[in-house]
Amino acid sequence: MDSTNPATNTLLESYEEHSQSEVDGMLGDALSAFGEWKRRPLVLRERLLAAAVDVLRENAQEYAGMSATIELY
């Protein structure tokens, strides 16, 4: 599967396609993970998300540099 810039028709990236069974497996894994996540106490989820925010803030400059190399349309 190819991803192209619709304005220029330039190829951005090519991706390997997944079979229906692979997609079904990934969706099942995501559903299972969400089930585990929603059963965790809210206070624990808040702490985990706050820790993720801290990491993002600590590395903001690095991530900003990475986003400059990604074409978003």
Protein backbone atom coordinates (compact mmCIF):
# COMPACT_ATOMS: atom_id res chain seq x y z
CA MET A 1 0.00 0.00 0.00
CA ASP A 2 1.39 3.38 -0.98
CA SER A 3 0.89 6.70 0.77
CA THR A 4 1.12 9.67 -1.57
CA ASN A 5 0.98 13.42 -1.19
CA PRO A 6 -2.32 14.28 -2.86
CA ALA A 7 -1.10 17.75 -3.87
CA THR A 8 1.99 16.53 -5.70
CA ASN A 9 1.27 12.83 -6.17
CA THR A 10 4.72 12.20 -4.66
CA LEU A 11 5.21 8.81 -3.03
CA LEU A 12 5.72 9.34 0.72
CA GLU A 13 5.94 5.77 1.97
CA SER A 14 5.10 2.20 1.02
CA TYR A 15 3.61 -0.19 3.55
CA GLU A 16 3.14 -3.92 3.55
CA GLU A 17 -0.53 -4.85 3.51
CA HIS A 18 -1.94 -7.14 6.20
CA SER A 19 -4.22 -10.09 5.68
CA GLN A 20 -7.72 -10.06 7.14
CA SER A 21 -6.66 -12.54 9.82
CA GLU A 22 -3.72 -10.30 10.80
CA VAL A 23 -6.05 -7.30 11.06
CA ASP A 24 -8.53 -9.31 13.11
CA GLY A 25 -5.72 -10.40 15.44
CA MET A 26 -4.50 -6.82 15.90
CA LEU A 27 -8.01 -5.59 16.61
CA GLY A 28 -8.49 -8.40 19.12
CA ASP A 29 -5.21 -7.47 20.84
CA ALA A 30 -6.30 -3.82 21.01
CA LEU A 31 -9.67 -4.75 22.46
CA SER A 32 -8.01 -6.95 25.06
CA ALA A 33 -5.54 -4.22 26.01
CA PHE A 34 -8.35 -1.71 26.38
CA GLY A 35 -10.25 -4.14 28.61
CA GLU A 36 -7.21 -4.43 30.87
CA TRP A 37 -6.67 -0.66 30.87
CA LYS A 38 -10.25 0.23 31.81
CA ARG A 39 -10.18 -2.18 34.77
CA ARG A 40 -7.19 -0.39 36.32
CA PRO A 41 -8.07 2.07 39.06
CA LEU A 42 -8.53 5.62 37.80
CA VAL A 43 -5.79 6.95 40.07
CA LEU A 44 -3.29 4.53 38.50
CA ARG A 45 -4.31 5.52 34.97
CA GLU A 46 -3.91 9.18 35.93
CA ARG A 47 -0.40 8.52 37.25
CA LEU A 48 0.62 6.61 34.14
CA LEU A 49 -0.68 9.33 31.83
CA ALA A 50 0.99 12.05 33.92
CA ALA A 51 4.29 10.15 33.65
CA ALA A 52 3.84 9.95 29.87
CA VAL A 53 3.24 13.71 29.75
CA ASP A 54 6.44 14.26 31.73
CA VAL A 55 8.43 12.21 29.22
CA LEU A 56 6.89 14.09 26.30
CA ARG A 57 7.69 17.44 27.90
CA GLU A 58 11.25 16.42 28.79
CA ASN A 59 11.89 15.42 25.18
CA ALA A 60 9.84 18.12 23.45
CA GLN A 61 12.80 19.51 21.51
CA GLU A 62 13.74 16.08 20.20
CA TYR A 63 10.15 15.37 19.15
CA ALA A 64 9.86 18.80 17.54
CA GLY A 65 12.88 17.99 15.39
CA MET A 66 11.36 14.68 14.38
CA SER A 67 8.08 16.26 13.31
CA ALA A 68 9.93 18.52 10.91
CA THR A 69 10.96 15.44 8.94
CA ILE A 70 7.42 14.05 8.67
CA GLU A 71 5.10 15.29 5.95
CA LEU A 72 1.58 15.78 7.28
CA TYR A 73 -1.36 16.46 4.99
